[in-house]
Amino acid sequence: MKKIERTARQLYVCPTTVVLEVEAEGSFLAGSPLVRPGGGGVAPHQGGVKVIDPTEEDGGDDDNLEG
């Protein structure tokens, strides 16, 4: 026996947006903590920055751009 599939159409639900006016001075975002690369933090989670000189690589034909 052959099974017949029936589908029903559903209505499209339109997305809505709301715009609110806020009468307050200031910003909505909280301030970020001070960033101190290479220093700061609490032991044992103290930061450190090490700058490594780049190395020159020759990838052969993989370095060639075509197009």
Protein backbone atom coordinates (compact mmCIF):
# COMPACT_ATOMS: atom_id res chain seq x y z
CA MET A 1 0.00 0.00 0.00
CA LYS A 2 1.38 3.41 -0.99
CA LYS A 3 1.58 5.99 1.78
CA ILE A 4 0.44 9.53 0.91
CA GLU A 5 2.10 12.40 2.75
CA ARG A 6 0.04 15.50 3.30
CA THR A 7 1.45 18.80 4.40
CA ALA A 8 -0.42 21.82 5.63
CA ARG A 9 0.63 25.40 4.96
CA GLN A 10 1.51 27.45 7.97
CA LEU A 11 1.20 31.19 8.27
CA TYR A 12 4.39 33.26 8.13
CA VAL A 13 5.24 34.77 11.49
CA CYS A 14 6.62 38.24 10.84
CA PRO A 15 9.48 39.33 13.15
CA THR A 16 8.82 42.52 15.08
CA THR A 17 11.09 45.15 16.59
CA VAL A 18 10.51 47.73 19.28
CA VAL A 19 12.44 50.98 19.71
CA LEU A 20 12.51 52.53 23.17
CA GLU A 21 13.67 56.03 24.02
CA VAL A 22 15.67 56.25 27.23
CA GLU A 23 16.09 59.62 28.87
CA ALA A 24 19.31 59.02 30.74
CA GLU A 25 22.83 60.26 30.27
CA GLY A 26 25.65 57.78 30.28
CA SER A 27 26.30 54.51 28.56
CA PHE A 28 24.64 51.15 28.69
CA LEU A 29 27.93 49.23 28.66
CA ALA A 30 29.99 48.63 31.75
CA GLY A 31 33.59 49.74 31.75
CA SER A 32 36.29 47.27 30.81
CA PRO A 33 39.07 46.51 33.26
CA LEU A 34 42.42 48.12 32.60
CA VAL A 35 44.52 46.02 30.27
CA ARG A 36 48.15 45.60 31.16
CA PRO A 37 49.87 43.32 28.63
CA GLY A 38 52.96 41.81 30.09
CA GLY A 39 52.13 42.65 33.67
CA GLY A 40 49.46 42.77 36.30
CA GLY A 41 47.14 40.05 37.38
CA VAL A 42 47.06 37.99 40.50
CA ALA A 43 49.56 35.17 41.07
CA PRO A 44 49.67 32.53 39.61
CA HIS A 45 47.73 34.11 36.72
CA GLN A 46 50.06 36.97 35.94
CA GLY A 47 50.30 37.88 32.29
CA GLY A 48 53.33 37.92 30.11
CA VAL A 49 54.01 38.97 26.52
CA LYS A 50 56.82 37.47 24.47
CA VAL A 51 57.51 38.88 21.01
CA ILE A 52 58.96 36.27 18.67
CA ASP A 53 60.72 37.40 15.49
CA PRO A 54 59.04 36.09 12.33
CA THR A 55 60.68 33.30 10.38
CA GLU A 56 60.87 33.40 6.61
CA GLU A 57 59.25 30.37 5.01
CA ASP A 58 59.52 29.27 1.42
CA GLY A 59 56.54 27.10 0.59
CA GLY A 60 57.60 26.52 -3.00
CA ASP A 61 54.69 26.67 -5.45
CA ASP A 62 52.21 27.02 -2.58
CA ASP A 63 53.26 30.67 -2.19
CA ASN A 64 52.31 31.62 -5.76
CA LEU A 65 48.94 33.27 -6.31
CA GLU A 66 47.11 32.59 -9.55
CA GLY A 67 43.87 33.92 -10.86
